[in-house]
């Protein structure tokens, strides 16, 4: 009889507890029937906007000459006697840049000139004698051949002597110089490097996954190191080749005429591809798991529901999705603490989630 009485008291207590639990929860701000057993979380919600956002590609690179002109010595092993231009000078095509030692060449010219004059006189006498038929035609041909050879040797010596004057191959700005008085020339070492017409541009490497979206003439916003305002450039060239190691494509971006900047300056570029339209939410609202990307929606009963989405584009600030989100309350900062069917408390506007 004692055991039966104890069991009756326990059953009565459980029944009373279940009847009072919802009321106590409601009075304390607890969950309702749909969120029974769940803990309230305070979240902030945002309304998705239907609009277009710019589609851009950000790349980095350096400034390079549009055309890099090299003033190469045409004579190897010659000592440099004088230098007539320096870094920062704007030179004209044909302007003297440096002078090489050519004393031996001038000595050769004097000897070859004497030989040329001798063969010329002999050829003139042979032609006079041949007209009188005192010498054969074959003899005249021999003298003509000797004269041609002497003339060719003299012209070659004069050409080599002229190469001791290193001239600017094009008009432009000298940005690099290796010529030094007393130094020796080498065939593979340029004495001066010149930016033709002073035109520089940006060289950047674009990953192959993005390069196909580029086209010549696209507008580019270029920021140079040390310059407070950006420059407006345009894509001039897209190399039809992908680097084997980098898996990137070289892109050349033309800068406005008159841009004064140093070769090798670091540059950042933002290439405007176009615009992508759809429903836009903050980037922090997007979640992703093995089932794909999704958002958290808060319904009229303050229950959290999963909304699968298709991402069209994502930036550090925003996400554009294809699905219609009109009128939905989207959790602005979704976290791992939320689960489907959780009951949440919506924060007032201006409060952080």
Protein backbone atom coordinates (compact mmCIF):
# COMPACT_ATOMS: atom_id res chain seq x y z
CA UNK A 1 0.00 0.00 0.00
CA UNK A 2 2.90 2.37 0.77
CA UNK A 3 4.50 1.79 -2.71
CA UNK A 4 1.20 2.45 -4.51
CA UNK A 5 0.82 5.75 -2.67
CA UNK A 6 4.36 6.91 -3.68
CA UNK A 7 3.77 6.11 -7.37
CA UNK A 8 0.49 8.02 -7.35
CA UNK A 9 2.24 11.11 -5.99
CA UNK A 10 4.98 10.94 -8.69
CA UNK A 11 2.48 10.65 -11.58
CA UNK A 12 0.49 13.57 -10.24
CA UNK A 13 3.67 15.72 -10.01
CA UNK A 14 4.72 14.97 -13.63
CA UNK A 15 1.24 15.82 -14.91
CA UNK A 16 1.18 19.14 -13.06
CA UNK A 17 4.72 19.97 -14.28
CA UNK A 18 3.88 19.44 -17.97
CA UNK A 19 0.81 21.62 -17.64
CA UNK A 20 2.74 24.48 -16.06
CA UNK A 21 5.93 24.33 -18.20
CA UNK A 22 4.65 26.25 -21.30
CA UNK A 23 3.20 29.01 -19.17
CA UNK A 24 6.43 29.43 -17.23
CA UNK A 25 8.44 29.49 -20.48
CA UNK A 26 6.11 32.04 -22.03
CA UNK A 27 6.33 34.25 -18.99
CA UNK A 28 10.16 34.23 -19.11
CA UNK A 29 10.41 34.91 -22.84
CA UNK A 30 10.98 31.22 -23.62
CA UNK A 31 10.12 29.26 -26.75
CA UNK A 32 6.63 28.35 -27.91
CA UNK A 33 5.38 24.97 -29.08
CA UNK A 34 7.39 24.99 -32.36
CA UNK A 35 10.61 25.84 -30.51
CA UNK A 36 10.14 23.69 -27.43
CA UNK A 37 13.42 22.77 -25.86
CA UNK A 38 15.39 25.42 -27.87
CA UNK A 39 17.35 28.34 -26.45
CA UNK A 40 16.58 31.88 -27.62
CA UNK A 41 19.33 33.58 -29.71
CA UNK A 42 19.21 37.26 -30.61
CA UNK A 43 19.92 37.94 -34.30
CA UNK A 44 19.73 40.94 -36.61
CA UNK A 45 17.90 40.60 -39.90
CA UNK A 46 18.28 42.37 -43.24
CA UNK A 47 16.07 42.71 -46.28
CA UNK A 48 17.57 41.52 -49.57
CA UNK A 49 17.77 44.11 -52.37
CA UNK A 50 17.24 43.45 -56.05
CA UNK A 51 19.97 45.35 -57.86
CA UNK A 52 23.16 44.99 -59.89
CA UNK A 53 26.67 45.23 -58.51
CA UNK A 54 29.88 45.78 -60.48
CA UNK A 55 31.73 42.67 -61.60
CA UNK A 56 35.45 43.39 -61.19
CA UNK A 57 38.78 41.59 -61.19
CA UNK A 58 41.59 42.90 -58.97
CA UNK A 59 45.18 42.28 -60.09
CA UNK A 60 48.64 43.55 -59.15
CA UNK A 61 51.67 44.23 -61.29
CA UNK A 62 54.46 46.69 -62.11
CA UNK A 63 55.05 49.49 -64.60
CA UNK A 64 57.11 48.60 -67.66
CA UNK A 65 58.02 50.38 -70.92
CA UNK A 66 55.49 49.90 -73.68
CA UNK A 67 58.49 49.44 -75.98
CA UNK A 68 61.83 48.74 -74.35
CA UNK A 69 64.58 50.05 -76.65
CA UNK A 70 68.14 48.85 -76.09
CA UNK A 71 71.21 50.80 -77.19
CA UNK A 72 73.57 47.90 -77.90
CA UNK A 73 77.28 48.26 -78.78
CA UNK A 74 77.99 46.90 -82.23
CA UNK A 75 81.67 46.41 -81.45
CA UNK A 76 82.69 44.03 -78.68
CA UNK A 77 85.73 44.50 -76.47
CA UNK A 78 86.00 48.24 -77.15
CA UNK A 79 86.87 50.65 -74.38
CA UNK A 80 84.35 53.41 -73.68
CA UNK A 81 86.01 56.81 -74.09
CA UNK A 82 83.11 59.12 -73.24
CA UNK A 83 79.43 59.05 -72.21
CA UNK A 84 77.09 61.77 -73.48
CA UNK A 85 73.75 60.86 -71.83
CA UNK A 86 72.51 59.75 -68.45
CA UNK A 87 69.48 58.23 -66.70
CA UNK A 88 66.50 60.57 -66.86
CA UNK A 89 67.55 62.23 -70.12
CA UNK A 90 65.06 62.37 -72.98
CA UNK A 91 67.04 61.66 -76.16
CA UNK A 92 66.20 61.87 -79.83
CA UNK A 93 66.69 59.18 -82.43
CA UNK A 94 70.28 59.31 -83.74
CA UNK A 95 71.59 61.31 -80.78
CA UNK A 96 75.14 60.46 -79.65
CA UNK A 97 75.08 58.49 -76.39
CA UNK A 98 78.66 57.20 -76.03
CA UNK A 99 81.96 57.05 -77.90
CA UNK A 100 84.17 53.96 -78.11
CA UNK A 101 87.90 53.70 -78.73
CA UNK A 102 88.51 53.24 -82.48
CA UNK A 103 92.05 54.47 -83.00
CA UNK A 104 93.17 51.23 -84.66
CA UNK A 105 90.23 51.42 -87.04
CA UNK A 106 91.20 54.90 -88.18
CA UNK A 107 94.74 53.66 -88.85
CA UNK A 108 93.32 50.82 -90.95
CA UNK A 109 91.22 53.33 -92.88
CA UNK A 110 94.28 55.35 -93.87
CA UNK A 111 96.04 52.23 -95.18
CA UNK A 112 92.98 50.96 -97.01
CA UNK A 113 92.36 54.37 -98.51
CA UNK A 114 95.87 54.37 -99.99
CA UNK A 115 95.29 50.90 -101.41
CA UNK A 116 92.00 52.01 -102.88
CA UNK A 117 93.60 55.02 -104.58
CA UNK A 118 96.36 52.82 -106.03
CA UNK A 119 93.94 50.28 -107.50
CA UNK A 120 91.78 53.08 -108.82
CA UNK A 121 94.69 54.60 -110.70
CA UNK A 122 95.72 51.21 -112.10
CA UNK A 123 92.19 50.57 -113.26
CA UNK A 124 92.07 53.96 -114.99
CA UNK A 125 95.35 53.27 -116.85
CA UNK A 126 94.21 49.78 -117.83
CA UNK A 127 90.98 51.16 -119.24
CA UNK A 128 92.93 53.72 -121.31
CA UNK A 129 95.27 51.04 -122.63
CA UNK A 130 92.45 48.66 -123.37
CA UNK A 131 90.71 51.31 -125.49
CA UNK A 132 93.90 51.41 -127.56
CA UNK A 133 93.94 47.61 -127.55
CA UNK A 134 97.31 47.57 -125.80
CA UNK A 135 96.02 45.29 -123.02
CA UNK A 136 93.46 42.53 -123.09
CA UNK A 137 89.93 42.67 -121.72
CA UNK A 138 90.92 40.04 -119.17
CA UNK A 139 93.61 42.36 -117.78
CA UNK A 140 91.03 45.14 -117.41
CA UNK A 141 88.68 42.79 -115.58
CA UNK A 142 91.45 41.90 -113.11
CA UNK A 143 92.06 45.58 -112.38
CA UNK A 144 88.33 46.12 -111.95
CA UNK A 145 88.14 43.25 -109.46
CA UNK A 146 91.09 44.67 -107.49
CA UNK A 147 89.40 48.07 -107.42
CA UNK A 148 86.10 46.59 -106.19
CA UNK A 149 87.85 44.65 -103.44
CA UNK A 150 89.78 47.69 -102.24
CA UNK A 151 86.59 49.77 -102.22
CA UNK A 152 84.71 47.10 -100.23
CA UNK A 153 87.49 46.84 -97.63
CA UNK A 154 87.59 50.62 -97.24
CA UNK A 155 83.80 50.85 -96.85
CA UNK A 156 83.83 48.09 -94.22
CA UNK A 157 86.56 49.84 -92.23
CA UNK A 158 84.65 53.12 -92.37
CA UNK A 159 81.49 51.32 -91.22
CA UNK A 160 83.30 49.75 -88.28
CA UNK A 161 84.80 53.10 -87.35
CA UNK A 162 81.34 54.65 -87.43
CA UNK A 163 80.14 52.03 -84.96
CA UNK A 164 82.40 53.51 -82.33
CA UNK A 165 79.69 56.17 -82.00
CA UNK A 166 76.79 54.65 -80.06
CA UNK A 167 73.60 56.41 -81.20
CA UNK A 168 70.07 56.34 -79.79
CA UNK A 169 68.02 53.85 -81.86
CA UNK A 170 64.76 55.66 -80.98
CA UNK A 171 63.51 58.76 -79.22
CA UNK A 172 62.61 58.26 -75.59
CA UNK A 173 63.54 58.42 -71.92
CA UNK A 174 66.68 56.70 -70.64
CA UNK A 175 65.77 54.71 -67.54
CA UNK A 176 68.84 52.50 -67.23
CA UNK A 177 72.53 52.92 -68.03
CA UNK A 178 75.44 50.49 -67.82
CA UNK A 179 77.96 52.51 -69.85
CA UNK A 180 80.92 53.68 -67.81
CA UNK A 181 84.00 55.52 -69.00
CA UNK A 182 86.89 53.08 -69.20
CA UNK A 183 84.66 50.01 -69.31
CA UNK A 184 84.72 47.44 -72.10
CA UNK A 185 81.75 46.69 -74.32
CA UNK A 186 80.12 43.28 -74.68
CA UNK A 187 77.80 42.17 -77.45
CA UNK A 188 75.07 40.97 -75.06
CA UNK A 189 75.11 43.95 -72.65
CA UNK A 190 73.14 47.08 -73.57
CA UNK A 191 74.78 50.39 -72.72
CA UNK A 192 71.42 52.18 -72.31
CA UNK A 193 67.77 51.16 -71.92
CA UNK A 194 65.18 53.58 -73.28
CA UNK A 195 61.42 53.94 -72.84
CA UNK A 196 60.34 54.70 -76.39
CA UNK A 197 58.47 58.01 -76.52
CA UNK A 198 58.41 57.91 -72.71
CA UNK A 199 55.31 55.67 -72.76
CA UNK A 200 54.92 53.28 -69.85
CA UNK A 201 52.15 50.82 -69.02
CA UNK A 202 51.20 48.29 -66.39
CA UNK A 203 52.07 44.63 -66.75
CA UNK A 204 49.96 42.22 -64.70
CA UNK A 205 49.40 38.47 -64.52
CA UNK A 206 45.78 37.30 -64.53
CA UNK A 207 44.92 33.70 -63.52
CA UNK A 208 43.80 31.61 -66.46
CA UNK A 209 40.41 31.01 -64.80
CA UNK A 210 39.69 34.75 -65.09
CA UNK A 211 41.59 35.71 -68.25
CA UNK A 212 38.83 34.49 -70.58
CA UNK A 213 36.53 37.21 -69.19
CA UNK A 214 38.86 40.00 -70.33
CA UNK A 215 38.79 41.90 -73.61
CA UNK A 216 40.87 44.62 -75.17
CA UNK A 217 39.61 48.10 -74.41
CA UNK A 218 38.08 47.29 -71.02
CA UNK A 219 38.27 50.12 -68.51
CA UNK A 220 40.76 49.71 -65.67
CA UNK A 221 41.27 51.71 -62.49
CA UNK A 222 44.99 51.76 -61.72
CA UNK A 223 46.49 52.75 -58.37
CA UNK A 224 50.20 53.46 -58.30
CA UNK A 225 52.38 53.31 -55.23
CA UNK A 226 52.76 56.79 -53.75
CA UNK A 227 50.05 58.38 -55.92
CA UNK A 228 46.94 59.58 -54.01
CA UNK A 229 44.45 59.32 -56.87
CA UNK A 230 43.86 56.41 -59.31
CA UNK A 231 44.48 56.57 -63.04
CA UNK A 232 42.04 55.56 -65.74
CA UNK A 233 43.62 52.94 -67.98
CA UNK A 234 42.50 50.44 -70.60
CA UNK A 235 43.52 46.92 -71.51
CA UNK A 236 45.83 47.18 -74.51
CA UNK A 237 47.06 43.63 -74.90
CA UNK A 238 46.11 40.16 -73.66
CA UNK A 239 48.87 37.66 -74.33
CA UNK A 240 47.61 34.54 -76.17
CA UNK A 241 49.65 32.33 -73.86
CA UNK A 242 49.36 30.88 -70.36
CA UNK A 243 52.52 30.52 -68.28
CA UNK A 244 53.43 26.93 -67.58
CA UNK A 245 54.44 27.49 -63.95
CA UNK A 246 52.19 30.40 -62.95
CA UNK A 247 49.11 29.31 -64.98
CA UNK A 248 48.50 33.01 -65.64
CA UNK A 249 48.16 35.24 -68.68
CA UNK A 250 50.12 38.45 -69.13
CA UNK A 251 47.97 41.55 -69.57
CA UNK A 252 49.23 45.01 -70.61
CA UNK A 253 47.23 48.03 -69.40
CA UNK A 254 47.79 51.35 -71.19
CA UNK A 255 48.00 54.45 -69.00
CA UNK A 256 46.99 58.00 -69.96
CA UNK A 257 49.46 59.95 -72.08
CA UNK A 258 51.76 62.09 -70.00
CA UNK A 259 51.78 59.76 -67.02
CA UNK A 260 55.03 60.36 -65.15
CA UNK A 261 56.06 57.33 -63.15
CA UNK A 262 59.16 55.21 -62.76
CA UNK A 263 59.66 51.84 -64.43
CA UNK A 264 59.20 49.09 -61.84
CA UNK A 265 56.64 50.99 -59.75
CA UNK A 266 54.18 48.69 -57.97
CA UNK A 267 50.61 49.02 -59.25
CA UNK A 268 47.17 47.67 -58.39
CA UNK A 269 44.43 47.46 -61.00
CA UNK A 270 40.69 46.92 -60.81
CA UNK A 271 39.30 45.72 -64.13
CA UNK A 272 35.63 46.47 -64.72
CA UNK A 273 34.02 43.43 -66.38
CA UNK A 274 30.40 44.56 -66.23
CA UNK A 275 27.48 44.16 -63.82
CA UNK A 276 25.71 41.15 -62.31
CA UNK A 277 22.07 41.55 -61.28
CA UNK A 278 20.09 39.56 -58.74
CA UNK A 279 19.13 39.60 -55.08
CA UNK A 280 21.90 41.04 -52.93
CA UNK A 281 22.57 40.22 -49.27
CA UNK A 282 25.63 40.87 -47.06
CA UNK A 283 28.51 38.46 -47.57
CA UNK A 284 28.39 37.51 -43.87
CA UNK A 285 24.88 36.16 -44.33
CA UNK A 286 26.01 33.38 -46.65
CA UNK A 287 26.60 29.90 -45.21
CA UNK A 288 27.80 26.73 -46.91
CA UNK A 289 27.99 23.05 -46.05
CA UNK A 290 28.02 19.74 -47.90
CA UNK A 291 24.55 20.49 -49.29
CA UNK A 292 25.67 23.78 -50.82
CA UNK A 293 25.29 27.50 -50.09
CA UNK A 294 22.28 28.74 -48.12
CA UNK A 295 20.86 31.60 -46.05
CA UNK A 296 18.97 31.69 -42.77
CA UNK A 297 15.44 33.12 -42.98
CA UNK A 298 13.38 34.20 -39.97
CA UNK A 299 9.65 33.59 -40.55
CA UNK A 300 6.66 35.33 -38.99
CA UNK A 301 6.82 33.08 -35.91
CA UNK A 302 10.54 33.92 -35.43
CA UNK A 303 11.55 30.43 -36.52
CA UNK A 304 14.79 29.96 -38.44
CA UNK A 305 14.46 28.24 -41.79
CA UNK A 306 17.15 27.20 -44.28
CA UNK A 307 16.94 28.82 -47.73
CA UNK A 308 19.16 27.15 -50.38
CA UNK A 309 20.55 29.69 -52.89
CA UNK A 310 22.57 29.82 -56.10
CA UNK A 311 25.45 32.29 -55.87
CA UNK A 312 25.96 34.37 -59.03
CA UNK A 313 28.80 36.49 -57.68
CA UNK A 314 30.47 37.18 -54.37
CA UNK A 315 32.55 40.15 -53.24
CA UNK A 316 34.07 40.86 -49.81
CA UNK A 317 30.96 42.92 -48.99
CA UNK A 318 28.03 41.41 -50.89
CA UNK A 319 26.63 38.21 -52.37
CA UNK A 320 24.37 38.09 -55.43
CA UNK A 321 21.99 35.11 -55.57
CA UNK A 322 19.61 33.97 -58.28
CA UNK A 323 16.60 33.05 -56.09
CA UNK A 324 13.92 35.62 -55.28
CA UNK A 325 14.20 36.86 -51.70
CA UNK A 326 11.46 39.46 -51.80
CA UNK A 327 9.97 40.18 -48.39
CA UNK A 328 12.14 37.68 -46.54
CA UNK A 329 13.94 38.49 -43.31
CA UNK A 330 17.50 37.22 -43.74
CA UNK A 331 19.84 36.77 -40.80
CA UNK A 332 22.57 39.34 -41.40
CA UNK A 333 25.35 37.50 -39.60
CA UNK A 334 24.65 33.80 -39.72
CA UNK A 335 26.69 31.57 -37.46
CA UNK A 336 27.21 27.95 -36.55
CA UNK A 337 24.96 28.30 -33.49
CA UNK A 338 21.81 28.48 -35.61
CA UNK A 339 19.92 25.36 -36.64
CA UNK A 340 16.86 24.80 -38.74
CA UNK A 341 13.60 25.41 -36.79
CA UNK A 342 15.36 27.33 -33.99
CA UNK A 343 13.34 30.09 -32.42
CA UNK A 344 15.21 33.40 -32.26
CA UNK A 345 14.74 36.88 -30.93
CA UNK A 346 15.07 39.58 -33.59
CA UNK A 347 17.22 42.50 -32.48
CA UNK A 348 15.96 46.04 -32.90
CA UNK A 349 17.38 48.03 -35.83
CA UNK A 350 20.88 49.26 -35.12
CA UNK A 351 21.78 46.52 -32.65
CA UNK A 352 24.43 43.95 -33.51
CA UNK A 353 23.46 40.32 -33.84
